[in-house]
Amino acid sequence: MQIAALDITSYFSFLSGAMITLFVISLIIIFVYEYEVLRRPKS
């Protein structure tokens, strides 16, 4: 029981860490895309 609970805890901590990482990466991509669009001269 202890090992199973530990595995579930580590799995959820890994899942939350992965979610935070994906969220940060998506934020960076959005900011870079917005910067490129704003920097591009308007025709």
PDB file of N, CA and C in Angstrom:
ATOM      1  N   MET A   1       0.834  -1.200   0.000  1.00  0.00           N
ATOM      2  CA  MET A   1       0.000   0.000   0.000  1.00  0.00           C
ATOM      3  C   MET A   1       0.872   1.256   0.000  1.00  0.00           C
ATOM      4  N   GLN A   2       1.918   1.244   0.797  1.00  0.00           N
ATOM      5  CA  GLN A   2       2.785   2.425   0.887  1.00  0.00           C
ATOM      6  C   GLN A   2       3.457   2.701  -0.462  1.00  0.00           C
ATOM      7  N   ILE A   3       3.942   1.639  -1.117  1.00  0.00           N
ATOM      8  CA  ILE A   3       4.627   1.805  -2.408  1.00  0.00           C
ATOM      9  C   ILE A   3       3.639   2.315  -3.465  1.00  0.00           C
ATOM     10  N   ALA A   4       2.419   1.778  -3.437  1.00  0.00           N
ATOM     11  CA  ALA A   4       1.413   2.207  -4.414  1.00  0.00           C
ATOM     12  C   ALA A   4       1.076   3.690  -4.206  1.00  0.00           C
ATOM     13  N   ALA A   5       0.900   4.084  -2.959  1.00  0.00           N
ATOM     14  CA  ALA A   5       0.576   5.487  -2.664  1.00  0.00           C
ATOM     15  C   ALA A   5       1.726   6.383  -3.111  1.00  0.00           C
ATOM     16  N   LEU A   6       2.960   5.937  -2.872  1.00  0.00           N
ATOM     17  CA  LEU A   6       4.125   6.723  -3.267  1.00  0.00           C
ATOM     18  C   LEU A   6       4.176   6.861  -4.789  1.00  0.00           C
ATOM     19  N   ASP A   7       3.878   5.788  -5.499  1.00  0.00           N
ATOM     20  CA  ASP A   7       3.880   5.840  -6.967  1.00  0.00           C
ATOM     21  C   ASP A   7       2.821   6.812  -7.474  1.00  0.00           C
ATOM     22  N   ILE A   8       1.643   6.779  -6.857  1.00  0.00           N
ATOM     23  CA  ILE A   8       0.566   7.690  -7.279  1.00  0.00           C
ATOM     24  C   ILE A   8       0.984   9.140  -7.019  1.00  0.00           C
ATOM     25  N   THR A   9       1.600   9.381  -5.873  1.00  0.00           N
ATOM     26  CA  THR A   9       2.028  10.748  -5.545  1.00  0.00           C
ATOM     27  C   THR A   9       3.085  11.237  -6.525  1.00  0.00           C
ATOM     28  N   SER A  10       4.073  10.383  -6.813  1.00  0.00           N
ATOM     29  CA  SER A  10       5.127  10.785  -7.747  1.00  0.00           C
ATOM     30  C   SER A  10       4.556  10.971  -9.153  1.00  0.00           C
ATOM     31  N   TYR A  11       3.574  10.138  -9.518  1.00  0.00           N
ATOM     32  CA  TYR A  11       2.948  10.257 -10.833  1.00  0.00           C
ATOM     33  C   TYR A  11       2.208  11.589 -10.951  1.00  0.00           C
ATOM     34  N   PHE A  12       1.461  11.950  -9.900  1.00  0.00           N
ATOM     35  CA  PHE A  12       0.710  13.204  -9.946  1.00  0.00           C
ATOM     36  C   PHE A  12       1.640  14.410  -9.907  1.00  0.00           C
ATOM     37  N   SER A  13       2.746  14.296  -9.153  1.00  0.00           N
ATOM     38  CA  SER A  13       3.700  15.405  -9.113  1.00  0.00           C
ATOM     39  C   SER A  13       4.371  15.561 -10.476  1.00  0.00           C
ATOM     40  N   PHE A  14       4.659  14.436 -11.132  1.00  0.00           N
ATOM     41  CA  PHE A  14       5.239  14.490 -12.476  1.00  0.00           C
ATOM     42  C   PHE A  14       4.231  15.072 -13.457  1.00  0.00           C
ATOM     43  N   LEU A  15       2.960  14.684 -13.307  1.00  0.00           N
ATOM     44  CA  LEU A  15       1.916  15.179 -14.202  1.00  0.00           C
ATOM     45  C   LEU A  15       1.743  16.690 -14.040  1.00  0.00           C
ATOM     46  N   SER A  16       1.723  17.167 -12.792  1.00  0.00           N
ATOM     47  CA  SER A  16       1.565  18.611 -12.557  1.00  0.00           C
ATOM     48  C   SER A  16       2.789  19.360 -13.081  1.00  0.00           C
ATOM     49  N   GLY A  17       3.970  18.780 -12.906  1.00  0.00           N
ATOM     50  CA  GLY A  17       5.182  19.412 -13.424  1.00  0.00           C
ATOM     51  C   GLY A  17       5.162  19.500 -14.937  1.00  0.00           C
ATOM     52  N   ALA A  18       4.673  18.436 -15.583  1.00  0.00           N
ATOM     53  CA  ALA A  18       4.583  18.436 -17.043  1.00  0.00           C
ATOM     54  C   ALA A  18       3.567  19.474 -17.511  1.00  0.00           C
ATOM     55  N   MET A  19       2.457  19.587 -16.795  1.00  0.00           N
ATOM     56  CA  MET A  19       1.425  20.564 -17.158  1.00  0.00           C
ATOM     57  C   MET A  19       1.974  21.990 -17.032  1.00  0.00           C
ATOM     58  N   ILE A  20       2.703  22.256 -15.947  1.00  0.00           N
ATOM     59  CA  ILE A  20       3.293  23.590 -15.750  1.00  0.00           C
ATOM     60  C   ILE A  20       4.301  23.876 -16.859  1.00  0.00           C
ATOM     61  N   THR A  21       5.113  22.871 -17.214  1.00  0.00           N
ATOM     62  CA  THR A  21       6.110  23.052 -18.274  1.00  0.00           C
ATOM     63  C   THR A  21       5.437  23.347 -19.613  1.00  0.00           C
ATOM     64  N   LEU A  22       4.381  22.586 -19.939  1.00  0.00           N
ATOM     65  CA  LEU A  22       3.669  22.821 -21.200  1.00  0.00           C
ATOM     66  C   LEU A  22       3.029  24.205 -21.195  1.00  0.00           C
ATOM     67  N   PHE A  23       2.499  24.625 -20.039  1.00  0.00           N
ATOM     68  CA  PHE A  23       1.868  25.940 -19.933  1.00  0.00           C
ATOM     69  C   PHE A  23       2.881  27.048 -20.177  1.00  0.00           C
ATOM     70  N   VAL A  24       4.067  26.912 -19.576  1.00  0.00           N
ATOM     71  CA  VAL A  24       5.118  27.921 -19.750  1.00  0.00           C
ATOM     72  C   VAL A  24       5.585  27.956 -21.200  1.00  0.00           C
ATOM     73  N   ILE A  25       5.754  26.789 -21.814  1.00  0.00           N
ATOM     74  CA  ILE A  25       6.205  26.719 -23.206  1.00  0.00           C
ATOM     75  C   ILE A  25       5.172  27.370 -24.129  1.00  0.00           C
ATOM     76  N   SER A  26       3.881  27.097 -23.859  1.00  0.00           N
ATOM     77  CA  SER A  26       2.835  27.699 -24.705  1.00  0.00           C
ATOM     78  C   SER A  26       2.810  29.217 -24.525  1.00  0.00           C
ATOM     79  N   LEU A  27       3.035  29.689 -23.290  1.00  0.00           N
ATOM     80  CA  LEU A  27       3.082  31.134 -23.065  1.00  0.00           C
ATOM     81  C   LEU A  27       4.228  31.763 -23.842  1.00  0.00           C
ATOM     82  N   ILE A  28       5.394  31.121 -23.832  1.00  0.00           N
ATOM     83  CA  ILE A  28       6.555  31.637 -24.553  1.00  0.00           C
ATOM     84  C   ILE A  28       6.274  31.678 -26.049  1.00  0.00           C
ATOM     85  N   ILE A  29       5.650  30.618 -26.567  1.00  0.00           N
ATOM     86  CA  ILE A  29       5.337  30.567 -27.997  1.00  0.00           C
ATOM     87  C   ILE A  29       4.364  31.690 -28.360  1.00  0.00           C
ATOM     88  N   ILE A  30       3.349  31.918 -27.508  1.00  0.00           N
ATOM     89  CA  ILE A  30       2.369  32.969 -27.786  1.00  0.00           C
ATOM     90  C   ILE A  30       3.048  34.342 -27.779  1.00  0.00           C
ATOM     91  N   PHE A  31       3.920  34.590 -26.784  1.00  0.00           N
ATOM     92  CA  PHE A  31       4.601  35.890 -26.709  1.00  0.00           C
ATOM     93  C   PHE A  31       5.504  36.105 -27.918  1.00  0.00           C
ATOM     94  N   VAL A  32       6.235  35.076 -28.337  1.00  0.00           N
ATOM     95  CA  VAL A  32       7.125  35.191 -29.500  1.00  0.00           C
ATOM     96  C   VAL A  32       6.307  35.451 -30.752  1.00  0.00           C
ATOM     97  N   TYR A  33       5.161  34.747 -30.897  1.00  0.00           N
ATOM     98  CA  TYR A  33       4.315  34.940 -32.071  1.00  0.00           C
ATOM     99  C   TYR A  33       3.763  36.368 -32.107  1.00  0.00           C
ATOM    100  N   GLU A  34       3.276  36.848 -30.961  1.00  0.00           N
ATOM    101  CA  GLU A  34       2.759  38.216 -30.897  1.00  0.00           C
ATOM    102  C   GLU A  34       3.867  39.226 -31.213  1.00  0.00           C
ATOM    103  N   TYR A  35       5.073  38.984 -30.701  1.00  0.00           N
ATOM    104  CA  TYR A  35       6.194  39.895 -30.958  1.00  0.00           C
ATOM    105  C   TYR A  35       6.520  39.932 -32.448  1.00  0.00           C
ATOM    106  N   GLU A  36       6.523  38.763 -33.082  1.00  0.00           N
ATOM    107  CA  GLU A  36       6.810  38.714 -34.521  1.00  0.00           C
ATOM    108  C   GLU A  36       5.731  39.445 -35.312  1.00  0.00           C
ATOM    109  N   VAL A  37       4.478  39.274 -34.949  1.00  0.00           N
ATOM    110  CA  VAL A  37       3.379  39.933 -35.666  1.00  0.00           C
ATOM    111  C   VAL A  37       3.455  41.443 -35.481  1.00  0.00           C
ATOM    112  N   LEU A  38       3.744  41.889 -34.269  1.00  0.00           N
ATOM    113  CA  LEU A  38       3.811  43.339 -34.009  1.00  0.00           C
ATOM    114  C   LEU A  38       5.046  43.949 -34.666  1.00  0.00           C
ATOM    115  N   ARG A  39       6.137  43.194 -34.736  1.00  0.00           N
ATOM    116  CA  ARG A  39       7.368  43.729 -35.298  1.00  0.00           C
ATOM    117  C   ARG A  39       7.299  43.820 -36.817  1.00  0.00           C
ATOM    118  N   ARG A  40       6.505  42.939 -37.421  1.00  0.00           N
ATOM    119  CA  ARG A  40       6.414  42.932 -38.889  1.00  0.00           C
ATOM    120  C   ARG A  40       5.808  44.243 -39.381  1.00  0.00           C
ATOM    121  N   PRO A  41       6.433  44.894 -40.332  1.00  0.00           N
ATOM    122  CA  PRO A  41       5.878  46.171 -40.843  1.00  0.00           C
ATOM    123  C   PRO A  41       4.530  45.950 -41.506  1.00  0.00           C
ATOM    124  N   LYS A  42       3.589  46.838 -41.219  1.00  0.00           N
ATOM    125  CA  LYS A  42       2.252  46.697 -41.794  1.00  0.00           C
ATOM    126  C   LYS A  42       2.273  47.145 -43.252  1.00  0.00           C
ATOM    127  N   SER A  43       1.697  46.339 -44.096  1.00  0.00           N
ATOM    128  CA  SER A  43       1.690  46.673 -45.541  1.00  0.00           C
ATOM    129  C   SER A  43       0.415  47.420 -45.899  1.00  0.00           C
TER     130      SER A  43
END
